[in-house]
Amino acid sequence: MAISTHSMLRFPYGSGLTNTLFEQEIERPGSVEPGFLPVRSKVKMINLSGSALLNIPSIAMFQLQPNTGYNETVYYHSTTSAFAVNILNSGIDLTKSRTRKDFSYGNGFYVTKDIDKAVDWAHRKARGGTGAIIAFKISIDMEREEPHLSLEAGTARGMELWRKVVYFFRKGIYDPEVVSLVQNKKFITGPVATVNTTPYNFNQTCIHDADYAKRFGRLQNILFVIFI
């Protein structure tokens, strides 16, 4: 365990603790929870620094994530420490996203199952400051909830549809087929796009529906938070 003035300034929770698991009590008002009742819960957290930053995936998988059930899965959201605090206290706010991305033009919340990519994204989001990775534990039923859109790039037709969707959101290229595909979907899942609009070999999910986002981001679904 290490405590320093620098870490007290850098990390929002933990009273200067680094590389040590701790629990932080979080309280939310009922207005941001699905049941419309105030909720209070302890969330597992860890502030990482030094050589521990090289072992984030193993720390996430083996130290922080042992209590997931057979009918549950884990998604990761990468952000800054300030936005992580907002999510912890107030849930997911879809309006915080305003830029054009692969599957959204504003009103989108992105998660991935790939912890390695989540780490990369958290470092990028931090831009020299403090990044964060929030892990959400959700049921398989919720993961499959309809209506949603699942895109793939393993076939010519799949690649065509995926690229049309990315062009629609990133570049604003109107396509009636895409409008029909994405309309009223709770979330869209598919490969991440490169700058040249070719697919990476890992997926992301973009949540579009406010009610689904509230249920996905409920306090009891937060498995842990890593600050880096």
Protein backbone atom coordinates (compact mmCIF):
# COMPACT_ATOMS: atom_id res chain seq x y z
CA MET A 1 0.00 0.00 0.00
CA ALA A 2 1.24 3.49 -0.84
CA ILE A 3 -0.08 6.89 0.14
CA SER A 4 1.18 10.13 -1.37
CA THR A 5 0.09 13.74 -1.76
CA HIS A 6 0.42 13.36 -5.53
CA SER A 7 -2.01 10.43 -5.64
CA MET A 8 -4.46 12.30 -3.38
CA LEU A 9 -4.58 15.06 -5.98
CA ARG A 10 -4.63 12.71 -8.96
CA PHE A 11 -7.31 10.20 -7.94
CA PRO A 12 -10.88 11.15 -6.93
CA TYR A 13 -11.32 8.37 -4.36
CA GLY A 14 -9.16 6.40 -1.97
CA SER A 15 -7.48 9.10 0.16
CA GLY A 16 -4.17 8.72 -1.65
CA LEU A 17 -4.17 4.91 -1.85
CA THR A 18 -2.42 3.40 -4.87
CA ASN A 19 -2.20 -0.19 -6.11
CA THR A 20 -4.49 -1.35 -3.31
CA LEU A 21 -8.08 -2.51 -3.65
CA PHE A 22 -10.61 -0.54 -1.61
CA GLU A 23 -14.37 -0.02 -1.47
CA GLN A 24 -16.02 3.35 -1.89
CA GLU A 25 -19.59 4.01 -0.81
CA ILE A 26 -21.61 5.65 -3.56
CA GLU A 27 -25.10 7.08 -3.15
CA ARG A 28 -27.45 7.91 -6.00
CA PRO A 29 -30.77 9.76 -6.01
CA GLY A 30 -33.82 7.84 -7.13
CA SER A 31 -34.21 9.99 -10.23
CA VAL A 32 -31.25 8.27 -11.93
CA GLU A 33 -32.05 4.69 -10.89
CA PRO A 34 -34.50 2.35 -12.68
CA GLY A 35 -36.56 1.83 -9.53
CA PHE A 36 -36.79 5.59 -8.80
CA LEU A 37 -35.56 4.97 -5.25
CA PRO A 38 -32.31 6.25 -3.72
CA VAL A 39 -29.57 3.62 -3.80
CA ARG A 40 -26.42 3.29 -1.73
CA SER A 41 -23.74 0.70 -2.44
CA LYS A 42 -20.04 0.04 -2.01
CA VAL A 43 -18.08 -0.09 -5.28
CA LYS A 44 -14.71 -1.81 -5.61
CA MET A 45 -11.98 0.53 -6.83
CA ILE A 46 -8.25 0.64 -7.36
CA ASN A 47 -5.90 3.52 -8.19
CA LEU A 48 -3.01 2.25 -10.28
CA SER A 49 0.42 3.77 -10.74
CA GLY A 50 3.97 2.74 -11.60
CA SER A 51 4.61 -0.82 -12.74
CA ALA A 52 1.03 -1.85 -11.86
CA LEU A 53 -0.11 0.02 -14.98
CA LEU A 54 1.48 -2.75 -17.04
CA ASN A 55 -0.79 -5.38 -15.47
CA ILE A 56 -4.23 -3.81 -15.76
CA PRO A 57 -5.87 -6.69 -17.70
CA SER A 58 -4.71 -9.32 -15.21
CA ILE A 59 -5.70 -7.14 -12.25
CA ALA A 60 -9.15 -6.68 -13.78
CA MET A 61 -9.63 -10.36 -14.59
CA PHE A 62 -8.20 -12.02 -11.49
CA GLN A 63 -8.40 -9.53 -8.62
CA LEU A 64 -11.52 -7.51 -9.36
CA GLN A 65 -13.78 -9.81 -11.35
CA PRO A 66 -14.15 -13.13 -9.52
CA ASN A 67 -17.84 -12.83 -8.64
CA THR A 68 -19.59 -12.88 -12.03
CA GLY A 69 -22.24 -15.53 -12.53
CA TYR A 70 -22.61 -17.99 -15.40
CA ASN A 71 -25.51 -15.95 -16.78
CA GLU A 72 -23.66 -12.62 -16.57
CA THR A 73 -21.13 -10.83 -18.73
CA VAL A 74 -18.85 -7.83 -18.24
CA TYR A 75 -18.52 -4.69 -20.35
CA TYR A 76 -15.95 -1.93 -19.91
CA HIS A 77 -16.36 1.81 -20.45
CA SER A 78 -13.27 4.00 -20.80
CA THR A 79 -13.37 7.64 -19.80
CA THR A 80 -11.70 10.35 -17.74
CA SER A 81 -11.74 10.34 -13.95
CA ALA A 82 -14.12 13.33 -13.93
CA PHE A 83 -16.66 11.62 -16.17
CA ALA A 84 -16.28 8.41 -14.16
CA VAL A 85 -17.31 10.30 -11.03
CA ASN A 86 -20.34 11.66 -12.90
CA ILE A 87 -21.35 8.16 -14.00
CA LEU A 88 -20.91 6.76 -10.50
CA ASN A 89 -23.04 9.47 -8.94
CA SER A 90 -25.62 10.05 -11.66
CA GLY A 91 -25.65 7.05 -14.00
CA ILE A 92 -25.18 7.03 -17.78
CA ASP A 93 -26.06 10.27 -19.57
CA LEU A 94 -26.31 9.70 -23.32
CA THR A 95 -26.25 13.42 -24.06
CA LYS A 96 -22.62 13.72 -22.92
CA SER A 97 -21.55 12.30 -26.30
CA ARG A 98 -21.73 14.98 -28.99
CA THR A 99 -19.20 14.01 -31.66
CA ARG A 100 -19.55 11.76 -34.69
CA LYS A 101 -18.39 8.23 -33.93
CA ASP A 102 -18.74 4.80 -35.53
CA PHE A 103 -22.28 4.12 -34.34
CA SER A 104 -23.52 7.48 -33.10
CA TYR A 105 -23.76 11.19 -33.73
CA GLY A 106 -24.37 12.36 -30.21
CA ASN A 107 -26.51 10.36 -27.75
CA GLY A 108 -24.31 7.28 -27.47
CA PHE A 109 -22.48 5.43 -24.69
CA TYR A 110 -19.73 3.04 -25.75
CA VAL A 111 -18.60 -0.15 -24.04
CA THR A 112 -16.50 -3.14 -25.03
CA LYS A 113 -15.82 -6.63 -23.73
CA ASP A 114 -12.13 -6.29 -24.59
CA ILE A 115 -10.23 -5.18 -21.48
CA ASP A 116 -7.01 -4.58 -23.43
CA LYS A 117 -8.77 -2.12 -25.74
CA ALA A 118 -10.53 -0.53 -22.79
CA VAL A 119 -7.11 0.16 -21.26
CA ASP A 120 -5.87 1.73 -24.50
CA TRP A 121 -8.95 3.92 -24.75
CA ALA A 122 -8.68 5.03 -21.10
CA HIS A 123 -5.11 6.20 -21.69
CA ARG A 124 -6.23 8.13 -24.78
CA LYS A 125 -9.14 9.71 -22.93
CA ALA A 126 -6.87 10.81 -20.10
CA ARG A 127 -4.50 12.79 -22.37
CA GLY A 128 -1.89 13.04 -19.66
CA GLY A 129 -4.42 13.28 -16.83
CA THR A 130 -6.27 10.49 -15.03
CA GLY A 131 -8.21 7.90 -16.99
CA ALA A 132 -10.79 5.44 -15.73
CA ILE A 133 -12.26 2.08 -16.68
CA ILE A 134 -15.72 1.26 -15.34
CA ALA A 135 -16.77 -2.39 -15.45
CA PHE A 136 -20.49 -3.15 -15.77
CA LYS A 137 -21.84 -6.59 -14.95
CA ILE A 138 -25.06 -7.30 -16.81
CA SER A 139 -27.22 -10.34 -17.46
CA ILE A 140 -27.04 -12.30 -20.69
CA ASP A 141 -30.76 -11.57 -21.14
CA MET A 142 -30.03 -7.85 -21.10
CA GLU A 143 -27.17 -8.33 -23.54
CA ARG A 144 -29.60 -9.98 -25.97
CA GLU A 145 -32.48 -7.58 -25.40
CA GLU A 146 -34.38 -6.48 -28.50
CA PRO A 147 -34.53 -4.41 -30.56
CA HIS A 148 -30.81 -4.11 -31.23
CA LEU A 149 -28.53 -4.19 -34.25
CA SER A 150 -25.58 -6.58 -34.50
CA LEU A 151 -23.13 -5.85 -37.30
CA GLU A 152 -20.33 -8.07 -38.58
CA ALA A 153 -17.66 -7.77 -41.24
CA GLY A 154 -17.01 -11.45 -41.93
CA THR A 155 -19.00 -11.55 -45.17
CA ALA A 156 -19.22 -9.20 -48.16
CA ARG A 157 -22.80 -8.25 -47.29
CA GLY A 158 -21.94 -7.83 -43.62
CA MET A 159 -18.99 -5.60 -44.49
CA GLU A 160 -21.19 -3.52 -46.79
CA LEU A 161 -23.82 -2.92 -44.11
CA TRP A 162 -21.22 -2.20 -41.42
CA ARG A 163 -19.46 0.34 -43.64
CA LYS A 164 -22.76 2.02 -44.57
CA VAL A 165 -23.62 2.42 -40.88
CA VAL A 166 -20.19 3.87 -40.08
CA TYR A 167 -20.41 6.31 -43.01
CA PHE A 168 -23.90 7.32 -41.90
CA PHE A 169 -22.80 8.22 -38.38
CA ARG A 170 -19.23 9.39 -38.97
CA LYS A 171 -19.72 11.34 -42.18
CA GLY A 172 -23.43 12.04 -42.23
CA ILE A 173 -23.96 10.15 -45.50
CA TYR A 174 -27.70 9.55 -45.72
CA ASP A 175 -28.83 6.06 -46.63
CA PRO A 176 -32.49 4.95 -46.28
CA GLU A 177 -31.40 1.36 -45.64
CA VAL A 178 -29.26 2.51 -42.72
CA VAL A 179 -32.03 4.70 -41.32
CA SER A 180 -34.31 1.68 -41.30
CA LEU A 181 -31.63 -0.47 -39.67
CA VAL A 182 -30.69 1.86 -36.82
CA GLN A 183 -34.06 3.43 -36.06
CA ASN A 184 -35.29 2.86 -32.49
CA LYS A 185 -32.52 0.38 -31.67
CA LYS A 186 -31.55 0.11 -28.01
CA PHE A 187 -27.94 -0.53 -28.91
CA ILE A 188 -25.66 -1.28 -31.86
CA THR A 189 -22.83 -3.80 -31.69
CA GLY A 190 -20.09 -4.29 -34.26
CA PRO A 191 -16.41 -3.92 -35.14
CA VAL A 192 -14.53 -0.73 -34.32
CA ALA A 193 -13.58 1.23 -37.45
CA THR A 194 -10.10 2.45 -38.32
CA VAL A 195 -9.50 5.95 -39.67
CA ASN A 196 -9.72 4.46 -43.17
CA THR A 197 -13.04 2.76 -42.34
CA THR A 198 -11.78 -0.78 -42.21
CA PRO A 199 -12.81 -2.96 -39.27
CA TYR A 200 -10.59 -3.85 -36.35
CA ASN A 201 -10.94 -7.42 -35.09
CA PHE A 202 -12.73 -6.45 -31.90
CA ASN A 203 -16.23 -5.18 -31.18
CA GLN A 204 -17.81 -2.27 -29.41
CA THR A 205 -21.37 -1.65 -28.30
CA CYS A 206 -23.03 1.75 -28.48
CA ILE A 207 -26.08 2.25 -26.27
CA HIS A 208 -28.72 4.54 -27.81
CA ASP A 209 -31.83 4.12 -25.68
CA ALA A 210 -32.14 6.18 -22.48
CA ASP A 211 -34.18 3.60 -20.55
CA TYR A 212 -31.78 0.82 -21.52
CA ALA A 213 -28.84 3.04 -20.51
CA LYS A 214 -30.42 3.68 -17.10
CA ARG A 215 -30.88 -0.05 -16.50
CA PHE A 216 -27.43 -0.94 -17.88
CA GLY A 217 -25.74 1.69 -15.70
CA ARG A 218 -27.65 1.10 -12.48
CA LEU A 219 -25.39 1.25 -9.43
CA GLN A 220 -25.72 -2.45 -8.62
CA ASN A 221 -24.35 -3.29 -12.09
CA ILE A 222 -21.03 -1.51 -11.50
CA LEU A 223 -18.57 -4.28 -10.76
CA PHE A 224 -15.46 -2.14 -10.22
CA VAL A 225 -13.64 1.02 -11.30
CA ILE A 226 -9.95 1.30 -12.18
CA PHE A 227 -8.29 4.72 -12.17
CA ILE A 228 -5.03 5.02 -14.12
